[in-house]
């Protein structure tokens, strides 16, 4: 089936979720500086990055097809937790998340007939984690390229005691919000 949109991401998780929705797509990942701006709120941060990614993709590819981009971040007490730089960074993040409820913000940006954007915010609660569990989890390789140093759809799901919101949003592409945005762009999804 020919693609009906461009996915501005290399994320295998976003690809799986779009495929789950029955959306055919072509890939065109963009690489941007994801450093938060001074005093930038988590909501403004994910919205800015998702919009910048979709705009960069349109600038590189044109707008023959709609472009979908997303950005996900983990937030605890207003602190944006990006991808870990190393073991010490991952250990610090997971130690902070241990036994607490944090939020996962995922913004989705679609450019085609104009620009539409939506945000999913999900509360995720972790059980207490031991230093040995965090070290073993790091050795699994899973935390390497994940916001907040964990993947809920993988072994990191073993840490989660409760979730209020969108599981797919925590994975990286909230299905409900994405379907709404695609519909606003004239892309119908058929079950």
C-alpha atoms as a PDB file:
ATOM      1  CA  UNK A   1       0.000   0.000   0.000  1.00  0.00           C
ATOM      2  CA  UNK A   2       1.450   3.426  -0.876  1.00  0.00           C
ATOM      3  CA  UNK A   3       2.263   5.704   2.057  1.00  0.00           C
ATOM      4  CA  UNK A   4      -0.381   8.200   3.151  1.00  0.00           C
ATOM      5  CA  UNK A   5       1.970  10.187   5.363  1.00  0.00           C
ATOM      6  CA  UNK A   6       5.599  10.762   6.327  1.00  0.00           C
ATOM      7  CA  UNK A   7       6.756   9.772   9.804  1.00  0.00           C
ATOM      8  CA  UNK A   8       9.472  12.175  10.951  1.00  0.00           C
ATOM      9  CA  UNK A   9      10.921   9.675  13.416  1.00  0.00           C
ATOM     10  CA  UNK A  10      13.251   6.685  13.512  1.00  0.00           C
ATOM     11  CA  UNK A  11      11.471   5.289  16.582  1.00  0.00           C
ATOM     12  CA  UNK A  12      10.567   1.626  16.085  1.00  0.00           C
ATOM     13  CA  UNK A  13       7.837   2.087  18.702  1.00  0.00           C
ATOM     14  CA  UNK A  14       6.152   4.873  16.750  1.00  0.00           C
ATOM     15  CA  UNK A  15       6.411   2.772  13.597  1.00  0.00           C
ATOM     16  CA  UNK A  16       4.751  -0.180  15.352  1.00  0.00           C
ATOM     17  CA  UNK A  17       1.949   2.004  16.691  1.00  0.00           C
ATOM     18  CA  UNK A  18       1.240   3.568  13.271  1.00  0.00           C
ATOM     19  CA  UNK A  19       1.198   0.089  11.745  1.00  0.00           C
ATOM     20  CA  UNK A  20      -1.177  -1.025  14.504  1.00  0.00           C
ATOM     21  CA  UNK A  21      -3.485   1.795  13.381  1.00  0.00           C
ATOM     22  CA  UNK A  22      -3.318   0.508   9.796  1.00  0.00           C
ATOM     23  CA  UNK A  23      -1.504   3.627   8.558  1.00  0.00           C
ATOM     24  CA  UNK A  24       0.973   3.211   5.720  1.00  0.00           C
ATOM     25  CA  UNK A  25       3.879   5.622   5.965  1.00  0.00           C
ATOM     26  CA  UNK A  26       7.320   6.480   4.673  1.00  0.00           C
ATOM     27  CA  UNK A  27      10.149   7.322   7.059  1.00  0.00           C
ATOM     28  CA  UNK A  28      12.066  10.574   7.112  1.00  0.00           C
ATOM     29  CA  UNK A  29      13.671  10.997  10.548  1.00  0.00           C
ATOM     30  CA  UNK A  30      14.908  14.440  11.503  1.00  0.00           C
ATOM     31  CA  UNK A  31      17.624  15.186  14.013  1.00  0.00           C
ATOM     32  CA  UNK A  32      17.203  18.251  16.217  1.00  0.00           C
ATOM     33  CA  UNK A  33      18.808  19.586  19.359  1.00  0.00           C
ATOM     34  CA  UNK A  34      16.452  18.421  22.118  1.00  0.00           C
ATOM     35  CA  UNK A  35      17.894  20.595  24.880  1.00  0.00           C
ATOM     36  CA  UNK A  36      15.133  22.301  26.880  1.00  0.00           C
ATOM     37  CA  UNK A  37      15.148  26.097  26.749  1.00  0.00           C
ATOM     38  CA  UNK A  38      15.707  28.107  29.928  1.00  0.00           C
ATOM     39  CA  UNK A  39      12.541  28.074  32.075  1.00  0.00           C
ATOM     40  CA  UNK A  40      10.661  26.001  29.468  1.00  0.00           C
ATOM     41  CA  UNK A  41       7.748  24.043  30.904  1.00  0.00           C
ATOM     42  CA  UNK A  42       7.443  20.328  30.044  1.00  0.00           C
ATOM     43  CA  UNK A  43       4.278  21.025  28.030  1.00  0.00           C
ATOM     44  CA  UNK A  44       5.900  23.810  26.014  1.00  0.00           C
ATOM     45  CA  UNK A  45       8.996  21.629  25.541  1.00  0.00           C
ATOM     46  CA  UNK A  46       7.226  18.635  23.957  1.00  0.00           C
ATOM     47  CA  UNK A  47       4.982  20.871  21.864  1.00  0.00           C
ATOM     48  CA  UNK A  48       7.967  22.850  20.574  1.00  0.00           C
ATOM     49  CA  UNK A  49       9.974  19.759  19.687  1.00  0.00           C
ATOM     50  CA  UNK A  50       7.109  17.924  17.962  1.00  0.00           C
ATOM     51  CA  UNK A  51       6.288  21.046  15.922  1.00  0.00           C
ATOM     52  CA  UNK A  52       9.969  21.648  15.081  1.00  0.00           C
ATOM     53  CA  UNK A  53      10.392  18.040  13.926  1.00  0.00           C
ATOM     54  CA  UNK A  54       7.362  18.176  11.627  1.00  0.00           C
ATOM     55  CA  UNK A  55       8.445  21.583  10.268  1.00  0.00           C
ATOM     56  CA  UNK A  56      12.003  20.341   9.625  1.00  0.00           C
ATOM     57  CA  UNK A  57      10.668  17.304   7.788  1.00  0.00           C
ATOM     58  CA  UNK A  58       8.401  19.448   5.595  1.00  0.00           C
ATOM     59  CA  UNK A  59      11.373  21.746   4.866  1.00  0.00           C
ATOM     60  CA  UNK A  60      13.475  18.750   3.792  1.00  0.00           C
ATOM     61  CA  UNK A  61      10.809  16.746   1.911  1.00  0.00           C
ATOM     62  CA  UNK A  62       8.150  19.211   0.896  1.00  0.00           C
ATOM     63  CA  UNK A  63       4.505  18.694   1.697  1.00  0.00           C
ATOM     64  CA  UNK A  64       3.352  16.237  -0.942  1.00  0.00           C
ATOM     65  CA  UNK A  65       2.188  14.024   1.943  1.00  0.00           C
ATOM     66  CA  UNK A  66       1.176  14.999   5.484  1.00  0.00           C
ATOM     67  CA  UNK A  67       4.014  14.785   8.006  1.00  0.00           C
ATOM     68  CA  UNK A  68       3.606  13.331  11.482  1.00  0.00           C
ATOM     69  CA  UNK A  69       6.144  13.966  14.258  1.00  0.00           C
ATOM     70  CA  UNK A  70       6.050  13.360  17.992  1.00  0.00           C
ATOM     71  CA  UNK A  71       8.084  13.989  21.097  1.00  0.00           C
ATOM     72  CA  UNK A  72       7.893  12.262  24.478  1.00  0.00           C
ATOM     73  CA  UNK A  73       9.361  13.291  27.798  1.00  0.00           C
ATOM     74  CA  UNK A  74       9.186  12.043  31.358  1.00  0.00           C
ATOM     75  CA  UNK A  75       8.505  14.655  34.046  1.00  0.00           C
ATOM     76  CA  UNK A  76       8.916  14.447  37.825  1.00  0.00           C
ATOM     77  CA  UNK A  77       8.235  17.485  39.991  1.00  0.00           C
ATOM     78  CA  UNK A  78       8.519  19.750  36.949  1.00  0.00           C
ATOM     79  CA  UNK A  79      11.918  18.312  35.954  1.00  0.00           C
ATOM     80  CA  UNK A  80      12.218  17.162  32.324  1.00  0.00           C
ATOM     81  CA  UNK A  81      13.958  13.790  32.108  1.00  0.00           C
ATOM     82  CA  UNK A  82      15.353  13.157  28.661  1.00  0.00           C
ATOM     83  CA  UNK A  83      17.378  10.223  27.395  1.00  0.00           C
ATOM     84  CA  UNK A  84      20.252   9.156  29.659  1.00  0.00           C
ATOM     85  CA  UNK A  85      23.769  10.143  28.662  1.00  0.00           C
ATOM     86  CA  UNK A  86      25.362   7.274  30.593  1.00  0.00           C
ATOM     87  CA  UNK A  87      24.843   4.811  33.446  1.00  0.00           C
ATOM     88  CA  UNK A  88      25.148   7.462  36.161  1.00  0.00           C
ATOM     89  CA  UNK A  89      22.489   9.582  34.433  1.00  0.00           C
ATOM     90  CA  UNK A  90      20.119   6.606  34.050  1.00  0.00           C
ATOM     91  CA  UNK A  91      20.739   5.518  37.650  1.00  0.00           C
ATOM     92  CA  UNK A  92      19.920   9.019  38.918  1.00  0.00           C
ATOM     93  CA  UNK A  93      16.706   9.203  36.872  1.00  0.00           C
ATOM     94  CA  UNK A  94      15.442   5.764  37.862  1.00  0.00           C
ATOM     95  CA  UNK A  95      16.336   6.403  41.512  1.00  0.00           C
ATOM     96  CA  UNK A  96      14.269   9.612  41.420  1.00  0.00           C
ATOM     97  CA  UNK A  97      11.321   7.798  39.780  1.00  0.00           C
ATOM     98  CA  UNK A  98      11.465   4.937  42.315  1.00  0.00           C
ATOM     99  CA  UNK A  99       8.334   4.782  44.465  1.00  0.00           C
ATOM    100  CA  UNK A 100       6.837   7.917  42.930  1.00  0.00           C
ATOM    101  CA  UNK A 101       4.232   9.027  40.392  1.00  0.00           C
ATOM    102  CA  UNK A 102       5.559  10.914  37.399  1.00  0.00           C
ATOM    103  CA  UNK A 103       4.019  12.197  34.177  1.00  0.00           C
ATOM    104  CA  UNK A 104       4.763  11.290  30.592  1.00  0.00           C
ATOM    105  CA  UNK A 105       4.037  14.066  28.083  1.00  0.00           C
ATOM    106  CA  UNK A 106       3.757  13.141  24.402  1.00  0.00           C
ATOM    107  CA  UNK A 107       3.039  15.815  21.810  1.00  0.00           C
ATOM    108  CA  UNK A 108       1.994  14.884  18.274  1.00  0.00           C
ATOM    109  CA  UNK A 109       2.320  17.336  15.386  1.00  0.00           C
ATOM    110  CA  UNK A 110       0.787  16.818  11.939  1.00  0.00           C
ATOM    111  CA  UNK A 111       1.450  19.149   9.003  1.00  0.00           C
ATOM    112  CA  UNK A 112      -0.476  18.866   5.772  1.00  0.00           C
ATOM    113  CA  UNK A 113      -3.615  20.927   5.566  1.00  0.00           C
ATOM    114  CA  UNK A 114      -2.168  23.433   7.990  1.00  0.00           C
ATOM    115  CA  UNK A 115      -0.693  22.387  11.317  1.00  0.00           C
ATOM    116  CA  UNK A 116      -2.540  20.435  14.012  1.00  0.00           C
ATOM    117  CA  UNK A 117      -1.111  19.378  17.352  1.00  0.00           C
ATOM    118  CA  UNK A 118      -2.270  17.396  20.403  1.00  0.00           C
ATOM    119  CA  UNK A 119      -0.728  16.378  23.714  1.00  0.00           C
ATOM    120  CA  UNK A 120      -1.252  13.301  25.872  1.00  0.00           C
ATOM    121  CA  UNK A 121      -0.320  13.473  29.577  1.00  0.00           C
ATOM    122  CA  UNK A 122      -0.227  10.217  31.523  1.00  0.00           C
ATOM    123  CA  UNK A 123       0.466   9.563  35.212  1.00  0.00           C
ATOM    124  CA  UNK A 124       2.757   6.576  35.810  1.00  0.00           C
ATOM    125  CA  UNK A 125       3.552   5.208  39.269  1.00  0.00           C
ATOM    126  CA  UNK A 126       6.702   3.174  39.928  1.00  0.00           C
ATOM    127  CA  UNK A 127       7.246   0.740  42.770  1.00  0.00           C
ATOM    128  CA  UNK A 128      10.381   1.100  44.883  1.00  0.00           C
ATOM    129  CA  UNK A 129      13.482   0.052  42.919  1.00  0.00           C
ATOM    130  CA  UNK A 130      16.640  -1.368  44.435  1.00  0.00           C
ATOM    131  CA  UNK A 131      20.114  -0.317  43.309  1.00  0.00           C
ATOM    132  CA  UNK A 132      20.660  -3.873  42.048  1.00  0.00           C
ATOM    133  CA  UNK A 133      17.487  -3.760  39.927  1.00  0.00           C
ATOM    134  CA  UNK A 134      18.479  -0.443  38.386  1.00  0.00           C
ATOM    135  CA  UNK A 135      21.970  -1.768  37.585  1.00  0.00           C
ATOM    136  CA  UNK A 136      20.551  -4.973  36.066  1.00  0.00           C
ATOM    137  CA  UNK A 137      18.044  -2.958  34.045  1.00  0.00           C
ATOM    138  CA  UNK A 138      20.853  -0.782  32.685  1.00  0.00           C
ATOM    139  CA  UNK A 139      22.796  -3.879  31.666  1.00  0.00           C
ATOM    140  CA  UNK A 140      19.761  -5.042  29.648  1.00  0.00           C
ATOM    141  CA  UNK A 141      20.418  -2.094  27.291  1.00  0.00           C
ATOM    142  CA  UNK A 142      16.774  -1.029  27.331  1.00  0.00           C
ATOM    143  CA  UNK A 143      17.194   2.385  29.034  1.00  0.00           C
ATOM    144  CA  UNK A 144      19.766   3.690  26.534  1.00  0.00           C
ATOM    145  CA  UNK A 145      17.583   5.766  24.195  1.00  0.00           C
ATOM    146  CA  UNK A 146      14.450   6.179  26.290  1.00  0.00           C
ATOM    147  CA  UNK A 147      13.098   9.312  27.941  1.00  0.00           C
ATOM    148  CA  UNK A 148      13.302   8.826  31.693  1.00  0.00           C
ATOM    149  CA  UNK A 149      15.583   5.794  31.140  1.00  0.00           C
ATOM    150  CA  UNK A 150      12.793   3.228  30.816  1.00  0.00           C
ATOM    151  CA  UNK A 151      10.532   1.514  28.285  1.00  0.00           C
ATOM    152  CA  UNK A 152       7.069   0.705  29.611  1.00  0.00           C
ATOM    153  CA  UNK A 153       6.467  -1.737  26.736  1.00  0.00           C
ATOM    154  CA  UNK A 154       9.563  -3.706  27.737  1.00  0.00           C
ATOM    155  CA  UNK A 155      11.212  -4.751  30.972  1.00  0.00           C
ATOM    156  CA  UNK A 156      10.569  -1.267  32.379  1.00  0.00           C
ATOM    157  CA  UNK A 157       6.902  -2.221  32.575  1.00  0.00           C
ATOM    158  CA  UNK A 158       7.846  -4.407  35.557  1.00  0.00           C
ATOM    159  CA  UNK A 159       8.399  -1.210  37.582  1.00  0.00           C
ATOM    160  CA  UNK A 160       4.905   0.223  36.961  1.00  0.00           C
ATOM    161  CA  UNK A 161       2.259  -0.243  39.653  1.00  0.00           C
ATOM    162  CA  UNK A 162      -0.361   1.965  38.007  1.00  0.00           C
ATOM    163  CA  UNK A 163      -1.008   4.105  34.959  1.00  0.00           C
ATOM    164  CA  UNK A 164      -3.697   6.736  34.441  1.00  0.00           C
ATOM    165  CA  UNK A 165      -3.954   7.945  30.868  1.00  0.00           C
ATOM    166  CA  UNK A 166      -2.633   6.606  27.576  1.00  0.00           C
ATOM    167  CA  UNK A 167      -0.374   3.537  27.527  1.00  0.00           C
ATOM    168  CA  UNK A 168       0.424   4.192  23.851  1.00  0.00           C
ATOM    169  CA  UNK A 169       1.259   7.796  24.765  1.00  0.00           C
ATOM    170  CA  UNK A 170       3.876   6.531  27.222  1.00  0.00           C
ATOM    171  CA  UNK A 171       5.253   4.245  24.504  1.00  0.00           C
ATOM    172  CA  UNK A 172       5.608   7.287  22.233  1.00  0.00           C
ATOM    173  CA  UNK A 173       2.477   7.854  20.113  1.00  0.00           C
ATOM    174  CA  UNK A 174      -0.953   8.252  21.731  1.00  0.00           C
ATOM    175  CA  UNK A 175      -3.349   6.408  19.428  1.00  0.00           C
ATOM    176  CA  UNK A 176      -6.498   8.371  20.298  1.00  0.00           C
ATOM    177  CA  UNK A 177      -4.942  11.796  19.804  1.00  0.00           C
ATOM    178  CA  UNK A 178      -3.098  10.670  16.672  1.00  0.00           C
ATOM    179  CA  UNK A 179      -6.297   9.339  15.102  1.00  0.00           C
ATOM    180  CA  UNK A 180      -8.029  12.658  15.835  1.00  0.00           C
ATOM    181  CA  UNK A 181      -5.213  14.649  14.223  1.00  0.00           C
ATOM    182  CA  UNK A 182      -5.176  12.426  11.144  1.00  0.00           C
ATOM    183  CA  UNK A 183      -8.933  12.830  10.818  1.00  0.00           C
ATOM    184  CA  UNK A 184      -8.539  16.629  10.968  1.00  0.00           C
ATOM    185  CA  UNK A 185      -6.081  16.280   8.065  1.00  0.00           C
ATOM    186  CA  UNK A 186      -8.628  14.277   6.052  1.00  0.00           C
ATOM    187  CA  UNK A 187      -6.950  10.927   6.665  1.00  0.00           C
ATOM    188  CA  UNK A 188      -9.640   8.419   7.546  1.00  0.00           C
ATOM    189  CA  UNK A 189      -8.813   5.297   9.495  1.00  0.00           C
ATOM    190  CA  UNK A 190     -10.784   2.174   8.760  1.00  0.00           C
ATOM    191  CA  UNK A 191     -11.136  -0.652  11.236  1.00  0.00           C
END
